[in-house]
Protein backbone atom coordinates (compact mmCIF):
# COMPACT_ATOMS: atom_id res chain seq x y z
CA MET A 1 0.00 0.00 0.00
CA SER A 2 1.72 3.24 -1.11
CA ILE A 3 2.35 6.26 1.13
CA MET A 4 0.75 8.42 -1.57
CA LYS A 5 -2.49 6.45 -1.45
CA LEU A 6 -2.62 6.65 2.34
CA THR A 7 -1.92 10.38 2.29
CA VAL A 8 -4.57 11.09 -0.33
CA SER A 9 -7.05 8.92 1.55
CA ALA A 10 -6.33 10.66 4.85
CA LEU A 11 -6.76 14.08 3.26
CA ALA A 12 -10.01 12.98 1.61
CA ILE A 13 -11.43 11.66 4.85
CA ALA A 14 -10.35 14.79 6.73
CA THR A 15 -11.95 17.00 4.08
CA VAL A 16 -15.27 15.17 4.05
CA THR A 17 -15.30 15.14 7.84
CA VAL A 18 -15.31 18.93 7.82
CA THR A 19 -18.02 18.91 5.15
CA VAL A 20 -20.29 16.63 7.16
CA SER A 21 -19.71 18.66 10.31
CA ALA A 22 -20.79 21.78 8.44
CA THR A 23 -23.84 20.25 6.79
CA GLY A 24 -25.03 17.99 9.57
CA ALA A 25 -23.27 18.41 12.90
CA ALA A 26 -25.83 16.16 14.52
CA ALA A 27 -24.28 13.22 12.69
CA GLN A 28 -21.99 12.72 15.65
CA ASN A 29 -25.03 11.96 17.80
CA ARG A 30 -25.68 8.71 15.92
CA GLU A 31 -23.87 5.88 17.69
CA GLU A 32 -24.25 3.12 15.12
CA VAL A 33 -23.61 2.50 11.45
CA ARG A 34 -26.75 2.24 9.29
CA VAL A 35 -26.84 -0.24 6.39
CA VAL A 36 -29.71 -0.55 3.89
CA GLY A 37 -30.23 -2.27 0.55
CA SER A 38 -30.67 -5.59 -1.21
CA SER A 39 -32.54 -8.45 0.44
CA THR A 40 -29.94 -10.78 -1.10
CA VAL A 41 -27.02 -8.88 0.42
CA PHE A 42 -28.92 -8.45 3.72
CA PRO A 43 -27.84 -11.76 5.35
CA TYR A 44 -24.19 -11.01 4.58
CA SER A 45 -24.39 -7.48 5.97
CA GLN A 46 -26.22 -8.82 9.02
CA ALA A 47 -23.55 -11.48 9.58
CA ALA A 48 -20.81 -8.86 9.27
CA ALA A 49 -22.65 -6.58 11.71
CA GLU A 50 -23.01 -9.30 14.34
CA TYR A 51 -19.38 -10.36 13.93
CA PHE A 52 -18.24 -6.74 14.18
CA GLY A 53 -20.17 -6.13 17.39
CA ASN A 54 -18.88 -9.31 19.04
CA ALA A 55 -15.27 -8.83 17.91
CA THR A 56 -14.88 -5.14 18.73
CA GLY A 57 -17.33 -4.46 21.54
CA MET A 58 -18.63 -1.50 19.51
CA THR A 59 -22.30 -1.01 18.75
CA SER A 60 -23.46 -3.39 16.02
CA PRO A 61 -24.64 -1.66 12.83
CA ILE A 62 -28.37 -1.48 12.12
CA VAL A 63 -29.08 -3.47 8.93
CA GLU A 64 -32.34 -3.05 7.00
CA SER A 65 -33.61 -5.03 4.00
CA THR A 66 -35.06 -2.36 1.70
CA GLY A 67 -34.33 -3.82 -1.73
CA THR A 68 -31.58 -2.60 -4.02
CA GLY A 69 -33.62 0.20 -5.58
CA GLY A 70 -35.05 1.31 -2.26
CA GLY A 71 -31.62 1.21 -0.68
CA MET A 72 -30.18 3.42 -3.41
CA GLN A 73 -32.96 5.98 -2.85
CA ILE A 74 -32.18 6.09 0.87
CA PHE A 75 -28.39 6.05 0.46
CA CYS A 76 -28.43 8.79 -2.20
CA GLY A 77 -30.74 11.01 -0.16
CA GLY A 78 -27.94 13.16 1.22
CA ILE A 79 -25.18 13.61 3.81
CA GLY A 80 -25.76 13.55 7.56
CA GLU A 81 -26.97 11.29 10.36
CA GLN A 82 -30.47 10.93 8.89
CA HIS A 83 -29.00 9.23 5.80
CA ALA A 84 -27.61 5.68 5.53
CA ASP A 85 -23.87 5.04 5.46
CA ILE A 86 -23.80 1.86 3.35
CA THR A 87 -26.15 0.21 0.87
CA GLY A 88 -25.99 -3.36 -0.39
CA ALA A 89 -26.90 -4.08 -4.00
CA SER A 90 -27.55 -7.18 -6.08
CA ARG A 91 -26.52 -5.28 -9.20
CA ALA A 92 -24.23 -2.35 -9.93
CA MET A 93 -25.38 1.22 -9.23
CA THR A 94 -27.04 2.69 -12.31
CA ALA A 95 -26.22 6.01 -13.95
CA SER A 96 -29.53 7.49 -12.80
CA GLU A 97 -28.85 6.43 -9.20
CA TYR A 98 -25.38 7.95 -9.35
CA GLU A 99 -26.94 11.17 -10.68
CA LEU A 100 -29.43 11.17 -7.78
CA CYS A 101 -26.53 10.79 -5.34
CA ALA A 102 -24.61 13.63 -6.97
CA THR A 103 -27.67 15.89 -6.98
CA ASN A 104 -27.94 15.41 -3.22
CA GLY A 105 -24.25 15.97 -2.52
CA VAL A 106 -23.23 12.31 -2.27
CA THR A 107 -20.28 12.52 -4.64
CA ASP A 108 -17.59 10.46 -2.90
CA ILE A 109 -18.61 6.79 -2.92
CA SER A 110 -16.57 3.60 -2.65
CA GLU A 111 -17.88 0.58 -4.58
CA ALA A 112 -17.08 -2.96 -3.45
CA LEU A 113 -17.69 -6.13 -5.44
CA ILE A 114 -18.04 -8.60 -2.58
CA GLY A 115 -18.73 -11.92 -4.32
CA TYR A 116 -21.09 -13.83 -6.59
CA ASP A 117 -24.59 -15.18 -6.23
CA GLY A 118 -26.92 -17.35 -8.29
CA LEU A 119 -30.52 -16.36 -8.93
CA SER A 120 -32.22 -19.55 -7.86
CA LEU A 121 -35.55 -20.89 -9.06
CA VAL A 122 -36.66 -23.26 -6.29
CA VAL A 123 -39.41 -25.67 -5.30
CA SER A 124 -40.32 -27.58 -2.16
CA ARG A 125 -38.57 -30.89 -1.50
CA ALA A 126 -42.09 -32.30 -1.34
CA ASN A 127 -42.35 -31.63 -5.09
CA ASP A 128 -41.14 -34.93 -6.54
CA PHE A 129 -40.78 -33.88 -10.19
CA ALA A 130 -37.22 -33.62 -11.54
CA TRP A 131 -37.45 -30.01 -12.70
CA ASP A 132 -35.05 -28.96 -15.44
CA LEU A 133 -36.13 -25.85 -17.34
CA THR A 134 -34.64 -23.94 -20.23
CA LEU A 135 -34.45 -20.16 -20.27
CA PRO A 136 -37.08 -19.93 -23.04
CA GLU A 137 -39.45 -22.08 -20.94
CA ILE A 138 -38.94 -19.76 -17.97
CA TYR A 139 -39.65 -16.77 -20.21
CA LEU A 140 -42.83 -18.33 -21.62
CA ALA A 141 -44.08 -19.08 -18.12
CA LEU A 142 -43.50 -15.65 -16.63
CA ALA A 143 -43.49 -12.98 -19.34
CA ALA A 144 -46.36 -10.57 -19.90
CA GLN A 145 -46.20 -11.11 -23.66
CA VAL A 146 -45.08 -14.10 -25.72
CA PRO A 147 -45.41 -15.42 -29.28
CA VAL A 148 -48.89 -16.84 -29.94
CA ASP A 149 -49.69 -18.23 -33.42
CA GLY A 150 -47.02 -16.08 -35.01
CA GLU A 151 -48.04 -12.88 -33.21
CA TRP A 152 -46.67 -11.07 -30.15
CA ALA A 153 -49.54 -11.28 -27.67
CA ASP A 154 -50.57 -11.47 -24.02
CA ASN A 155 -49.36 -14.63 -22.32
CA PRO A 156 -52.06 -17.35 -22.48
CA TYR A 157 -50.18 -20.08 -20.59
CA THR A 158 -51.50 -21.13 -17.20
CA MET A 159 -50.13 -24.72 -16.96
CA TRP A 160 -46.55 -25.95 -17.24
CA ASN A 161 -47.47 -28.69 -19.73
CA GLU A 162 -48.87 -26.05 -22.09
CA ILE A 163 -45.32 -24.79 -22.51
CA ASN A 164 -43.73 -28.23 -22.76
CA PRO A 165 -45.81 -31.46 -22.76
CA ASP A 166 -43.01 -33.18 -20.83
CA LEU A 167 -43.65 -30.88 -17.86
CA PRO A 168 -46.34 -31.61 -15.25
CA ALA A 169 -49.98 -30.61 -15.75
CA THR A 170 -49.81 -28.22 -12.81
CA ALA A 171 -50.63 -24.52 -12.61
CA ILE A 172 -47.81 -22.03 -13.05
CA LEU A 173 -47.32 -20.22 -9.74
CA VAL A 174 -44.05 -18.41 -9.10
CA TYR A 175 -43.36 -16.06 -6.18
CA GLY A 176 -40.75 -13.45 -6.99
CA PRO A 177 -39.31 -10.06 -6.08
CA PRO A 178 -40.92 -6.66 -6.76
CA PRO A 179 -39.63 -4.07 -9.26
CA THR A 180 -37.65 -2.25 -6.55
CA SER A 181 -35.46 -5.32 -6.03
CA GLY A 182 -32.05 -5.80 -7.61
CA THR A 183 -32.92 -9.49 -7.76
CA ARG A 184 -35.84 -8.59 -10.04
CA ASP A 185 -33.59 -6.44 -12.22
CA ALA A 186 -31.01 -9.20 -12.51
CA PHE A 187 -33.62 -11.88 -13.17
CA VAL A 188 -35.14 -9.84 -16.00
CA GLU A 189 -31.75 -9.27 -17.58
CA LEU A 190 -30.16 -12.69 -17.07
CA ALA A 191 -33.19 -14.99 -17.37
CA MET A 192 -36.03 -13.18 -19.14
CA HIS A 193 -34.02 -11.33 -21.78
CA ALA A 194 -31.79 -14.34 -22.41
CA GLY A 195 -34.80 -16.65 -22.69
CA CYS A 196 -36.60 -14.26 -25.02
CA GLU A 197 -33.55 -13.99 -27.28
CA GLU A 198 -33.61 -17.78 -27.79
CA LEU A 199 -37.23 -17.91 -28.97
CA PRO A 200 -37.57 -18.83 -32.68
CA PHE A 201 -39.99 -15.90 -33.08
CA VAL A 202 -37.23 -13.48 -32.00
CA ILE A 203 -34.39 -15.22 -33.85
CA ASP A 204 -36.31 -15.59 -37.12
CA GLY A 205 -37.66 -12.07 -36.84
CA GLY A 206 -34.18 -10.61 -36.59
CA PHE A 207 -35.09 -8.57 -33.51
CA ASP A 208 -32.15 -6.87 -31.81
CA GLY A 209 -31.28 -6.21 -28.18
CA ASP A 210 -33.20 -2.93 -28.10
CA TRP A 211 -36.36 -4.76 -29.20
CA VAL A 212 -35.81 -7.42 -26.55
CA GLY A 213 -35.31 -4.79 -23.86
CA GLU A 214 -38.50 -3.01 -24.84
CA ASN A 215 -40.71 -6.07 -25.35
CA CYS A 216 -39.36 -8.81 -23.08
CA SER A 217 -38.88 -7.04 -19.72
CA ARG A 218 -42.39 -7.10 -18.26
CA MET A 219 -43.37 -9.87 -15.87
CA ARG A 220 -46.96 -11.02 -16.20
CA GLN A 221 -49.57 -9.62 -13.78
CA ASP A 222 -52.45 -12.01 -14.38
CA GLY A 223 -51.76 -14.43 -11.53
CA PRO A 224 -49.03 -16.99 -12.38
CA PHE A 225 -46.30 -14.59 -11.23
CA VAL A 226 -46.82 -13.11 -7.77
CA GLU A 227 -44.74 -10.25 -6.36
CA ALA A 228 -43.93 -11.36 -2.83
CA GLY A 229 -42.15 -8.28 -1.47
CA GLU A 230 -38.60 -7.94 -0.21
CA ASN A 231 -38.87 -10.57 2.55
CA ASP A 232 -37.45 -13.74 1.03
CA ASN A 233 -38.39 -15.72 4.14
CA LEU A 234 -42.05 -15.25 3.21
CA ILE A 235 -41.38 -16.89 -0.16
CA VAL A 236 -39.80 -19.84 1.64
CA GLN A 237 -42.89 -20.18 3.83
CA ARG A 238 -45.27 -20.02 0.86
CA ILE A 239 -43.35 -22.68 -1.05
CA GLU A 240 -43.25 -24.90 2.00
CA ALA A 241 -47.05 -24.53 2.29
CA ASP A 242 -47.66 -25.20 -1.43
CA PRO A 243 -45.35 -27.84 -2.98
CA SER A 244 -46.48 -26.89 -6.51
CA ALA A 245 -45.29 -23.29 -6.13
CA PHE A 246 -41.92 -21.90 -7.21
CA GLY A 247 -39.84 -19.09 -5.78
CA ILE A 248 -37.12 -16.80 -7.08
CA PHE A 249 -34.36 -15.49 -4.82
CA GLY A 250 -30.63 -15.43 -4.25
CA TYR A 251 -28.72 -18.66 -3.72
CA SER A 252 -28.04 -17.87 -0.06
CA PHE A 253 -31.72 -18.44 0.80
CA LEU A 254 -31.73 -21.77 -0.98
CA PHE A 255 -28.45 -22.66 0.74
CA GLU A 256 -29.91 -21.85 4.15
CA ASN A 257 -33.11 -23.82 3.50
CA LEU A 258 -31.85 -26.95 1.76
CA ASP A 259 -33.76 -29.08 4.26
CA MET A 260 -37.04 -27.71 2.82
CA LEU A 261 -36.17 -26.54 -0.71
CA LYS A 262 -34.35 -27.74 -3.81
CA GLY A 263 -33.01 -25.81 -6.75
CA VAL A 264 -34.52 -26.15 -10.21
CA LEU A 265 -31.95 -27.09 -12.84
CA ILE A 266 -31.61 -24.60 -15.69
CA ASN A 267 -30.26 -25.94 -18.97
CA GLY A 268 -29.31 -29.08 -17.03
CA VAL A 269 -27.22 -27.20 -14.45
CA GLU A 270 -28.02 -27.14 -10.73
CA PRO A 271 -27.35 -23.98 -8.72
CA THR A 272 -24.37 -24.75 -6.47
CA ILE A 273 -21.32 -22.94 -5.12
CA ASP A 274 -19.21 -24.44 -7.92
CA THR A 275 -21.59 -23.79 -10.83
CA ILE A 276 -22.18 -20.20 -9.72
CA GLY A 277 -18.45 -19.66 -9.27
CA ASP A 278 -17.57 -20.85 -12.77
CA PHE A 279 -20.72 -19.26 -14.33
CA SER A 280 -21.87 -22.56 -15.83
CA TYR A 281 -25.13 -21.86 -14.00
CA PRO A 282 -26.86 -19.47 -16.44
CA ILE A 283 -28.12 -16.83 -14.02
CA ALA A 284 -25.16 -16.02 -11.78
CA ARG A 285 -24.48 -12.39 -10.84
CA PRO A 286 -22.12 -10.14 -8.83
CA LEU A 287 -23.05 -8.58 -5.47
CA TYR A 288 -21.94 -5.15 -4.23
CA PHE A 289 -21.96 -2.69 -1.40
CA TYR A 290 -21.43 1.08 -1.53
CA VAL A 291 -19.92 3.27 1.19
CA LYS A 292 -20.60 6.98 1.71
CA ASN A 293 -17.08 8.24 2.28
CA ALA A 294 -18.26 11.57 3.68
CA HIS A 295 -19.45 9.66 6.76
CA ARG A 296 -16.09 8.03 7.52
CA GLY A 297 -14.51 9.53 10.60
CA VAL A 298 -17.86 11.06 11.58
CA ILE A 299 -20.21 8.13 12.15
CA PRO A 300 -18.67 6.07 14.96
CA GLY A 301 -17.41 2.67 13.83
CA LEU A 302 -18.00 3.16 10.10
CA GLN A 303 -14.36 2.86 9.04
CA GLU A 304 -13.84 -0.13 11.34
CA PHE A 305 -16.99 -1.83 10.05
CA VAL A 306 -15.95 -1.32 6.44
CA GLU A 307 -12.59 -2.93 7.25
CA THR A 308 -14.44 -5.88 8.81
CA TYR A 309 -16.76 -6.21 5.80
CA VAL A 310 -13.89 -6.59 3.31
CA SER A 311 -11.68 -8.69 5.58
CA GLU A 312 -10.70 -12.30 4.91
CA ASP A 313 -12.81 -13.31 7.91
CA ALA A 314 -15.84 -12.07 6.01
CA MET A 315 -15.11 -12.36 2.27
CA GLY A 316 -12.52 -15.14 2.19
CA PRO A 317 -13.04 -18.85 1.47
CA GLY A 318 -14.56 -20.33 4.61
CA GLY A 319 -15.46 -16.83 5.82
CA LEU A 320 -18.75 -15.44 7.07
CA PHE A 321 -20.19 -14.91 3.59
CA ALA A 322 -19.11 -18.24 2.12
CA GLU A 323 -20.74 -20.00 5.07
CA ARG A 324 -24.02 -18.40 3.97
CA GLY A 325 -23.78 -19.29 0.29
CA MET A 326 -21.79 -16.50 -1.32
CA VAL A 327 -19.17 -17.53 -3.89
CA PRO A 328 -15.90 -15.73 -3.00
CA LEU A 329 -13.82 -13.62 -5.36
CA THR A 330 -10.34 -14.78 -6.33
CA ASP A 331 -7.49 -14.03 -3.92
CA ALA A 332 -6.23 -11.20 -6.15
CA ASP A 333 -9.66 -9.64 -6.56
CA ARG A 334 -10.36 -9.76 -2.81
CA ALA A 335 -7.03 -8.07 -2.11
CA ALA A 336 -7.81 -5.33 -4.65
CA VAL A 337 -11.26 -4.72 -3.18
CA ASN A 338 -9.84 -4.58 0.35
CA GLU A 339 -7.18 -2.02 -0.56
CA SER A 340 -9.59 0.16 -2.53
CA VAL A 341 -12.42 0.20 -0.01
CA VAL A 342 -10.34 0.48 3.16
CA ASN A 343 -8.56 3.49 1.67
CA ALA A 344 -11.81 5.17 0.58
CA VAL A 345 -11.01 5.18 -3.13
CA SER A 346 -13.90 6.79 -5.00
CA MET A 347 -15.69 4.82 -7.67
CA ASP A 348 -15.60 6.00 -11.27
CA PRO A 349 -18.55 8.26 -12.13
CA LYS A 350 -21.48 6.48 -13.78
CA VAL A 351 -22.21 8.08 -17.11
């Protein structure tokens, strides 16, 4: 770690400390770090918060599951004790979110890629069918509009065997995340768009990515897909109560509930630590958190908590996050993230 980097970081933190003191002196009255954001990142942030409190004796951070989009709105709201210090995200910050932050004076942000996750389609272990779906089948089950007799039309499918006669004659019922969730964003991009692109109607029609983005992004709202909110535990409970139902959430929730749930294979690949890590599982994704650098040195424990979050005890193989289903970064990538985030290096502007 170079002396220049440390000096620049120290100056940056000192400068933003003065700024926060001027714009919100009451920030020093808050005794705990506040973390918001993705429901998928929530269990990792919660684990880090508990570990931090036990290891340091400092007040454990308050961690809220608000969804990625909701977390960004809160995080980008401004500087001062009334605004969150960290937000977790199951996708990268968008240009519009970065603009919102900048508009509200949140211009110095550190971005941390913390590991990888698989978007899991799951069923109850009481469901005895050997589910193995393709991305086009998933699209046809869940999209608002699909090809029907050579035309692009409202989705008519209500049973799985209507999509593929080899699938069971059971009603399509899938509980999934709301539009404010990064899991929803990632599922649309990685599963719905990819499945749509493989449809003969789209291939033969020569439709490009812009057409797919405009026409293949809407989830159906006529019953087979149900928005279940940001609480993934509720999806687990609903699937347990109805063995014919499916759920969509991050791999960590499947990992933690393997006694009750099983992953649906996609293109013949089961969601596991290994298949997510090597991206052979089709809907794997990166996970992030973002730190408001203007709050370092002002909110008690923030710098120390950030150092805990990117430590080997948390992010390393066998660490807190891996124990809960996250796929770790490579050794080199973890080291780079640690150095960047600990030293409050600002992310590149989103344009």
